[in-house]
Amino acid sequence: MAGPANIDPIYRYDPEALTQLEAEGVLLPEPYRDELNPTIRDEFVSRPPMTGLSLLYPTALSTPVPSEDAAPRFVSRPPMGRLNLLREEIDKARTSLSTQVEVGADPGLGPRSPSGPGSLWPTFDPPSPISGAHFWLEPPFPGGFNQLYSPGYQFGSTGGGRYRIHHGVDIGNPVGTPVLATASGEVIHAGPDNPELLGPYNDFYGNTVVIRLDRKLNTSRGEQDVFVLFGHLVSVEVQEGQWVGTGDYLGGVGMTGIAIGPHLHMEVRIGQNSYLHTVNPALWMRPAAFTGTVAVRLLSATGRTWPGVQLSLYRYEESGVSWYRVVETYPEQESIGPDPSWGENGALSHIPVGTYLLTGSVNGEEVRQEITVRDGEMTFVELRTQQ
């Protein structure tokens, strides 16, 4: 069997859907280059260029998943210093990044900041991160295959303005890679998404499986159904009405629907099996070994969301601090909103354990917070601006 592939999502531009997409208020990217083997820049479309940077080092296309025998790194090591000791180093790193953006570079790589805050946002205290009770979903692939979704096209993001707003996560693997049920439940859809509408228009996901989980989510509105969608399959090997258990075979990775790069598109839907009822799957997927998940809530002084802000995670290393990845806050479009259990407006999973600095800029105002990512746990952080 072929080894795992790390393939960033590549979507076909559909001229026939132009009028419909414009009517939906969705920004249309230019026709994407036919690149089935994206570069590091294509993978991390939301980060600044890293060329020539001596302080920060780009990570691999996908963070390797340690074996069960591997020893966790930085688990017992204390933080390398307080924020005041690292402020100068972080500022130099950010300055170095900003000066490397070449003239005419992809504007999606530059820093973003909204002109003003958005809607009122939840401010409740989330559940205990130690419980891990929200990680309902097991890996969708057998061992040995890539389990990590593309960080360059996060839930709610547009991949640097190149794609439409993302309602799920994409995990690249070769065509035919077995797709497994991530939790037990009833298959309520099995086959093409036509005539049944599952996305913004028919034939969007192609061959699709939707499972209504056995478990229900307790919310302020009572218990609600949870649905998991698996899209772009090359084949579907289950039937509507069938019950499946965790790890059961659903079909194979494909490139049906609008996908031209082989990958699995996964969504989590709450309350209704609807494109407008999605939440961030990163908060539901069990983190890989020796990694955790970070949920971010970035709010204004009056408790309103700041949409489309890019927050950087800098990791404390033995030799100093290095840029790791970007967490992008959700836009105020297409009903992209918070998870009922967390009330976040940004999240990222499969982050290696360790101590990090989460920092960004909102209309010239800096926000920053030191956080610790623990094995198999959720780290929740709320940042407030003075604006």
Protein backbone atom coordinates (compact mmCIF):
# COMPACT_ATOMS: atom_id res chain seq x y z
CA MET A 1 0.00 0.00 0.00
CA ALA A 2 1.29 3.46 -0.85
CA GLY A 3 2.63 5.67 1.93
CA PRO A 4 0.91 8.80 3.20
CA ALA A 5 0.78 11.93 1.08
CA ASN A 6 0.75 15.54 2.24
CA ILE A 7 -1.44 17.35 -0.27
CA ASP A 8 -2.91 20.80 0.23
CA PRO A 9 -6.51 21.19 -0.97
CA ILE A 10 -6.78 22.37 -4.57
CA TYR A 11 -10.18 23.39 -5.83
CA ARG A 12 -11.49 23.72 -9.35
CA TYR A 13 -12.73 27.13 -10.42
CA ASP A 14 -16.28 26.68 -11.75
CA PRO A 15 -17.24 29.43 -14.24
CA GLU A 16 -20.82 28.12 -14.45
CA ALA A 17 -21.28 28.75 -10.71
CA LEU A 18 -20.05 32.36 -10.92
CA THR A 19 -23.45 34.01 -10.68
CA GLN A 20 -24.55 31.82 -7.81
CA LEU A 21 -21.33 32.35 -5.86
CA GLU A 22 -21.50 36.11 -6.33
CA ALA A 23 -25.08 36.08 -5.11
CA GLU A 24 -23.94 34.27 -1.98
CA GLY A 25 -21.45 37.04 -1.28
CA VAL A 26 -18.45 34.73 -1.49
CA LEU A 27 -15.10 36.08 -2.65
CA LEU A 28 -14.09 34.24 -5.81
CA PRO A 29 -10.43 33.35 -6.27
CA GLU A 30 -8.76 33.53 -9.63
CA PRO A 31 -8.48 30.18 -11.44
CA TYR A 32 -5.96 28.21 -9.40
CA ARG A 33 -2.82 26.91 -11.04
CA ASP A 34 -2.93 23.20 -11.76
CA GLU A 35 -0.38 22.23 -9.11
CA LEU A 36 -0.88 18.81 -7.60
CA ASN A 37 2.38 19.00 -5.67
CA PRO A 38 2.19 22.25 -3.69
CA THR A 39 5.28 23.83 -2.20
CA ILE A 40 5.77 24.81 1.43
CA ARG A 41 4.42 28.23 0.56
CA ASP A 42 1.26 26.62 -0.85
CA GLU A 43 0.83 24.55 2.31
CA PHE A 44 1.21 27.47 4.70
CA VAL A 45 -0.68 30.06 2.72
CA SER A 46 -1.45 32.10 5.84
CA ARG A 47 2.10 32.61 7.09
CA PRO A 48 4.73 35.16 6.03
CA PRO A 49 7.64 34.02 3.86
CA MET A 50 10.39 32.42 5.93
CA THR A 51 13.30 32.57 3.45
CA GLY A 52 16.59 33.71 4.93
CA LEU A 53 15.26 33.90 8.48
CA SER A 54 17.90 32.77 10.94
CA LEU A 55 15.81 32.96 14.10
CA LEU A 56 12.68 31.13 12.99
CA TYR A 57 12.58 27.85 11.11
CA PRO A 58 9.72 26.57 8.92
CA THR A 59 8.21 23.29 10.01
CA ALA A 60 7.63 20.36 7.68
CA LEU A 61 4.53 20.21 5.49
CA SER A 62 2.78 18.12 8.12
CA THR A 63 3.97 17.60 11.67
CA PRO A 64 5.14 13.98 11.96
CA VAL A 65 3.11 11.84 14.31
CA PRO A 66 5.45 10.24 16.88
CA SER A 67 5.30 6.50 17.34
CA GLU A 68 3.84 5.13 20.54
CA ASP A 69 7.37 4.34 21.73
CA ALA A 70 8.64 7.85 21.14
CA ALA A 71 9.40 9.92 24.21
CA PRO A 72 7.48 13.19 24.44
CA ARG A 73 9.63 16.30 23.98
CA PHE A 74 9.52 19.31 26.29
CA VAL A 75 6.88 17.72 28.54
CA SER A 76 8.78 18.25 31.78
CA ARG A 77 10.88 21.24 30.74
CA PRO A 78 9.70 24.48 32.37
CA PRO A 79 9.10 27.62 30.30
CA MET A 80 12.30 29.29 29.20
CA GLY A 81 11.39 32.66 30.61
CA ARG A 82 8.72 35.22 31.25
CA LEU A 83 7.28 37.42 28.55
CA ASN A 84 9.46 40.37 29.50
CA LEU A 85 12.60 38.28 28.93
CA LEU A 86 11.45 37.19 25.46
CA ARG A 87 9.79 40.41 24.31
CA GLU A 88 12.86 41.68 22.46
CA GLU A 89 13.44 38.32 20.77
CA ILE A 90 9.80 38.02 19.67
CA ASP A 91 9.76 41.61 18.40
CA LYS A 92 12.89 40.98 16.37
CA ALA A 93 11.34 37.85 14.91
CA ARG A 94 8.17 39.66 13.90
CA THR A 95 10.18 42.53 12.39
CA SER A 96 12.31 40.07 10.45
CA LEU A 97 9.19 38.37 9.10
CA SER A 98 7.53 41.61 8.04
CA THR A 99 10.58 42.88 6.16
CA GLN A 100 10.76 39.75 4.05
CA VAL A 101 7.44 40.24 2.29
CA GLU A 102 8.54 41.06 -1.23
CA VAL A 103 6.89 43.62 -3.45
CA GLY A 104 4.11 41.96 -5.40
CA ALA A 105 3.92 38.97 -3.07
CA ASP A 106 0.65 37.16 -2.47
CA PRO A 107 -1.42 39.58 -0.34
CA GLY A 108 -2.83 36.60 1.51
CA LEU A 109 0.53 36.23 3.24
CA GLY A 110 0.48 39.67 4.82
CA PRO A 111 -0.87 40.48 8.28
CA ARG A 112 -4.59 41.18 8.52
CA SER A 113 -6.59 43.28 10.90
CA PRO A 114 -10.30 44.13 10.81
CA SER A 115 -11.44 47.73 10.74
CA GLY A 116 -13.75 47.11 13.67
CA PRO A 117 -15.13 44.40 15.94
CA GLY A 118 -17.95 42.15 14.82
CA SER A 119 -20.90 40.55 16.55
CA LEU A 120 -21.36 39.98 20.26
CA TRP A 121 -19.67 36.70 21.12
CA PRO A 122 -20.12 34.05 23.83
CA THR A 123 -18.21 34.78 27.03
CA PHE A 124 -19.05 31.70 29.13
CA ASP A 125 -16.35 29.65 30.81
CA PRO A 126 -15.63 26.48 28.76
CA PRO A 127 -15.42 23.00 30.31
CA SER A 128 -12.33 21.59 32.00
CA PRO A 129 -9.64 21.03 29.38
CA ILE A 130 -8.31 18.03 31.29
CA SER A 131 -11.49 16.00 30.79
CA GLY A 132 -11.00 15.68 27.03
CA ALA A 133 -14.72 14.93 26.83
CA HIS A 134 -15.11 16.83 23.56
CA PHE A 135 -12.70 14.66 21.56
CA TRP A 136 -15.36 12.32 20.19
CA LEU A 137 -13.73 11.58 16.83
CA GLU A 138 -11.03 8.98 16.26
CA PRO A 139 -8.62 9.14 13.28
CA PRO A 140 -10.36 8.68 9.89
CA PHE A 141 -7.52 6.59 8.42
CA PRO A 142 -5.68 3.40 9.36
CA GLY A 143 -2.29 3.67 11.00
CA GLY A 144 0.55 4.58 8.67
CA PHE A 145 -1.44 7.17 6.73
CA ASN A 146 -1.51 10.93 7.20
CA GLN A 147 -4.01 11.95 9.88
CA LEU A 148 -3.26 15.69 9.97
CA TYR A 149 -5.37 18.29 8.22
CA SER A 150 -3.95 21.15 6.19
CA PRO A 151 -3.13 24.08 8.53
CA GLY A 152 -3.08 26.43 5.53
CA TYR A 153 -6.81 26.07 4.96
CA GLN A 154 -8.31 26.04 8.43
CA PHE A 155 -11.98 25.98 9.34
CA GLY A 156 -13.44 29.40 8.54
CA SER A 157 -10.43 30.52 6.50
CA THR A 158 -10.04 31.16 2.78
CA GLY A 159 -6.48 29.88 2.38
CA GLY A 160 -5.08 33.38 2.00
CA GLY A 161 -8.02 34.50 -0.16
CA ARG A 162 -7.61 31.70 -2.72
CA TYR A 163 -10.65 29.57 -1.87
CA ARG A 164 -14.18 29.99 -0.59
CA ILE A 165 -14.73 29.95 3.19
CA HIS A 166 -13.92 26.52 4.57
CA HIS A 167 -16.62 24.69 6.53
CA GLY A 168 -14.42 21.77 7.54
CA VAL A 169 -10.87 20.40 7.40
CA ASP A 170 -8.99 18.60 4.60
CA ILE A 171 -6.66 15.64 5.09
CA GLY A 172 -4.52 14.59 2.13
CA ASN A 173 -3.91 10.91 1.32
CA PRO A 174 -3.57 8.88 -1.89
CA VAL A 175 -6.66 7.94 -3.90
CA GLY A 176 -8.27 4.81 -2.49
CA THR A 177 -6.89 5.20 1.04
CA PRO A 178 -9.47 3.59 3.36
CA VAL A 179 -11.72 6.11 5.10
CA LEU A 180 -12.93 4.92 8.51
CA ALA A 181 -15.88 5.95 10.66
CA THR A 182 -14.56 8.28 13.35
CA ALA A 183 -17.41 7.45 15.76
CA SER A 184 -20.41 5.13 15.87
CA GLY A 185 -23.76 6.15 14.44
CA GLU A 186 -26.31 5.84 11.65
CA VAL A 187 -25.48 6.53 8.02
CA ILE A 188 -28.03 9.10 6.85
CA HIS A 189 -26.43 9.81 3.47
CA ALA A 190 -24.33 7.56 1.26
CA GLY A 191 -23.56 8.52 -2.33
CA PRO A 192 -23.41 11.62 -4.55
CA ASP A 193 -24.58 14.95 -3.14
CA ASN A 194 -27.11 15.28 -5.94
CA PRO A 195 -30.07 15.64 -5.81
CA GLU A 196 -29.73 15.93 -2.02
CA LEU A 197 -28.09 19.26 -1.22
CA LEU A 198 -25.23 18.96 1.28
CA GLY A 199 -23.12 21.99 0.38
CA PRO A 200 -23.64 25.42 -1.18
CA TYR A 201 -24.68 23.71 -4.42
CA ASN A 202 -25.04 20.18 -5.77
CA ASP A 203 -22.00 18.11 -6.79
CA PHE A 204 -19.90 20.11 -4.32
CA TYR A 205 -18.66 17.16 -2.23
CA GLY A 206 -19.21 14.42 -4.80
CA ASN A 207 -19.45 10.98 -3.22
CA THR A 208 -20.26 11.65 0.42
CA VAL A 209 -21.06 9.81 3.64
CA VAL A 210 -22.86 11.54 6.51
CA ILE A 211 -23.16 9.83 9.90
CA ARG A 212 -25.50 10.93 12.68
CA LEU A 213 -23.60 9.98 15.82
CA ASP A 214 -25.09 7.85 18.56
CA ARG A 215 -24.05 10.47 21.12
CA LYS A 216 -25.85 13.77 21.41
CA LEU A 217 -24.34 17.07 22.51
CA ASN A 218 -25.72 18.77 25.62
CA THR A 219 -26.19 22.48 24.90
CA SER A 220 -28.08 25.40 26.41
CA ARG A 221 -30.89 24.49 24.01
CA GLY A 222 -30.97 20.88 25.13
CA GLU A 223 -29.53 17.78 23.48
CA GLN A 224 -28.66 18.16 19.81
CA ASP A 225 -27.69 15.69 17.11
CA VAL A 226 -24.09 15.64 15.88
CA PHE A 227 -23.33 14.82 12.24
CA VAL A 228 -19.97 14.03 10.64
CA LEU A 229 -19.56 14.46 6.88
CA PHE A 230 -16.90 12.70 4.76
CA GLY A 231 -16.60 14.21 1.28
CA HIS A 232 -14.86 13.73 -2.11
CA LEU A 233 -14.76 9.91 -1.78
CA VAL A 234 -13.79 7.78 -4.78
CA SER A 235 -16.16 5.06 -3.58
CA VAL A 236 -18.88 4.59 -0.97
CA GLU A 237 -19.08 1.20 0.72
CA VAL A 238 -21.97 1.79 3.17
CA GLN A 239 -25.70 2.31 2.72
CA GLU A 240 -28.20 4.80 4.06
CA GLY A 241 -29.79 3.52 7.26
CA GLN A 242 -26.81 1.32 8.12
CA TRP A 243 -25.29 1.51 11.60
CA VAL A 244 -21.49 1.73 11.69
CA GLY A 245 -19.05 1.44 14.54
CA THR A 246 -15.85 3.38 15.13
CA GLY A 247 -13.24 2.23 12.63
CA ASP A 248 -15.69 0.69 10.15
CA TYR A 249 -14.81 1.07 6.47
CA LEU A 250 -16.82 3.81 4.72
CA GLY A 251 -15.08 4.10 1.34
CA GLY A 252 -11.89 5.41 -0.23
CA VAL A 253 -10.22 8.79 -0.55
CA GLY A 254 -10.99 10.42 -3.87
CA MET A 255 -11.29 13.68 -5.74
CA THR A 256 -14.99 13.78 -6.64
CA GLY A 257 -17.09 16.93 -6.48
CA ILE A 258 -15.04 20.11 -6.74
CA ALA A 259 -11.78 18.55 -5.53
CA ILE A 260 -8.97 17.88 -8.00
CA GLY A 261 -6.40 16.93 -5.37
CA PRO A 262 -7.02 13.63 -3.52
CA HIS A 263 -8.06 14.35 0.05
CA LEU A 264 -10.79 13.77 2.60
CA HIS A 265 -13.00 16.70 3.51
CA MET A 266 -14.47 16.35 7.01
CA GLU A 267 -17.17 18.44 8.66
CA VAL A 268 -18.93 18.41 12.03
CA ARG A 269 -22.51 19.69 12.03
CA ILE A 270 -24.60 20.44 15.12
CA GLY A 271 -28.39 20.28 15.31
CA GLN A 272 -29.01 19.87 11.58
CA ASN A 273 -27.29 18.16 8.67
CA SER A 274 -26.76 21.52 7.02
CA TYR A 275 -23.88 23.44 5.43
CA LEU A 276 -24.81 26.38 7.67
CA HIS A 277 -24.63 24.40 10.91
CA THR A 278 -20.93 23.48 10.86
CA VAL A 279 -18.46 23.84 13.74
CA ASN A 280 -14.69 23.45 13.82
CA PRO A 281 -13.73 19.74 13.55
CA ALA A 282 -10.36 20.55 15.18
CA LEU A 283 -12.21 20.71 18.52
CA TRP A 284 -13.67 17.22 18.04
CA MET A 285 -10.74 15.23 16.64
CA ARG A 286 -8.63 13.35 19.17
CA PRO A 287 -5.12 14.86 18.98
CA ALA A 288 -2.26 12.71 17.76
CA ALA A 289 0.16 11.28 20.33
CA PHE A 290 2.12 13.95 22.23
CA THR A 291 0.05 16.77 20.78
CA GLY A 292 -2.87 18.87 21.99
CA THR A 293 -5.46 21.35 20.74
CA VAL A 294 -5.71 25.11 21.25
CA ALA A 295 -9.02 26.99 21.26
CA VAL A 296 -8.79 30.79 21.07
CA ARG A 297 -11.34 33.45 21.89
CA LEU A 298 -10.26 36.92 20.70
CA LEU A 299 -12.71 39.62 21.78
CA SER A 300 -12.98 43.39 21.95
CA ALA A 301 -13.34 45.27 25.25
CA THR A 302 -17.12 45.03 24.86
CA GLY A 303 -17.14 41.29 24.13
CA ARG A 304 -17.36 41.38 20.34
CA THR A 305 -15.46 39.07 18.01
CA TRP A 306 -12.49 40.21 15.95
CA PRO A 307 -12.94 38.38 12.60
CA GLY A 308 -10.11 37.44 10.26
CA VAL A 309 -7.22 38.14 12.64
CA GLN A 310 -4.07 36.06 12.28
CA LEU A 311 -2.51 35.08 15.60
CA SER A 312 0.95 33.51 15.56
CA LEU A 313 2.10 30.67 17.78
CA TYR A 314 5.79 30.94 18.76
CA ARG A 315 7.26 27.88 20.40
CA TYR A 316 9.86 28.03 23.15
CA GLU A 317 12.78 25.86 22.09
CA GLU A 318 16.05 24.99 23.81
CA SER A 319 17.84 27.56 21.67
CA GLY A 320 15.23 30.30 21.97
CA VAL A 321 11.88 30.76 20.33
CA SER A 322 10.67 29.78 16.87
CA TRP A 323 7.55 30.58 14.86
CA TYR A 324 5.28 27.54 14.62
CA ARG A 325 1.93 28.26 13.01
CA VAL A 326 -0.96 30.72 12.55
CA VAL A 327 -4.41 30.54 14.11
CA GLU A 328 -6.92 32.59 12.10
CA THR A 329 -10.12 33.85 13.72
CA TYR A 330 -13.43 33.10 12.04
CA PRO A 331 -15.06 35.45 9.52
CA GLU A 332 -18.57 36.80 9.92
CA GLN A 333 -19.92 35.07 6.83
CA GLU A 334 -21.80 31.88 5.93
CA SER A 335 -22.88 31.23 9.55
CA ILE A 336 -19.34 30.34 10.64
CA GLY A 337 -19.55 30.47 14.40
CA PRO A 338 -18.36 29.04 17.72
CA ASP A 339 -18.68 25.54 19.08
CA PRO A 340 -21.51 25.36 21.66
CA SER A 341 -19.10 23.90 24.23
CA TRP A 342 -16.20 26.30 23.76
CA GLY A 343 -17.39 29.63 22.42
CA GLU A 344 -14.12 30.07 20.51
CA ASN A 345 -13.45 32.05 17.35
CA GLY A 346 -10.31 30.19 16.31
CA ALA A 347 -8.76 26.77 16.93
CA LEU A 348 -5.91 24.52 15.85
CA SER A 349 -5.21 20.89 16.74
CA HIS A 350 -2.29 18.43 16.59
CA ILE A 351 0.06 20.98 18.18
CA PRO A 352 3.17 19.36 19.73
CA VAL A 353 3.29 19.56 23.51
CA GLY A 354 5.27 22.46 24.90
CA THR A 355 5.10 26.10 25.88
CA TYR A 356 4.09 28.73 23.35
CA LEU A 357 3.51 32.43 23.00
CA LEU A 358 0.26 33.33 21.22
CA THR A 359 0.50 36.84 19.82
CA GLY A 360 -0.97 39.12 17.18
CA SER A 361 -1.99 42.65 16.32
CA VAL A 362 -5.49 44.13 16.11
CA ASN A 363 -5.56 47.60 14.55
CA GLY A 364 -2.09 48.31 15.89
CA GLU A 365 -2.81 46.94 19.37
CA GLU A 366 -0.73 43.95 20.39
CA VAL A 367 -2.25 40.98 22.18
CA ARG A 368 -0.18 38.14 23.62
CA GLN A 369 -0.51 35.27 26.04
CA GLU A 370 1.82 32.49 27.15
CA ILE A 371 0.15 29.06 26.94
CA THR A 372 1.07 25.43 27.57
CA VAL A 373 -0.05 22.62 25.28
CA ARG A 374 -0.39 19.26 27.04
CA ASP A 375 -0.66 15.77 25.63
CA GLY A 376 -4.23 14.92 24.58
CA GLU A 377 -5.74 18.03 26.16
CA MET A 378 -7.51 21.20 25.10
CA THR A 379 -5.86 24.52 25.92
CA PHE A 380 -8.33 27.40 25.99
CA VAL A 381 -7.19 31.00 25.97
CA GLU A 382 -9.18 34.25 25.84
CA LEU A 383 -7.54 37.47 24.65
CA ARG A 384 -9.18 40.88 25.06
CA THR A 385 -8.25 44.11 23.35
CA GLN A 386 -8.70 47.55 24.86
CA GLN A 387 -10.64 48.65 21.78
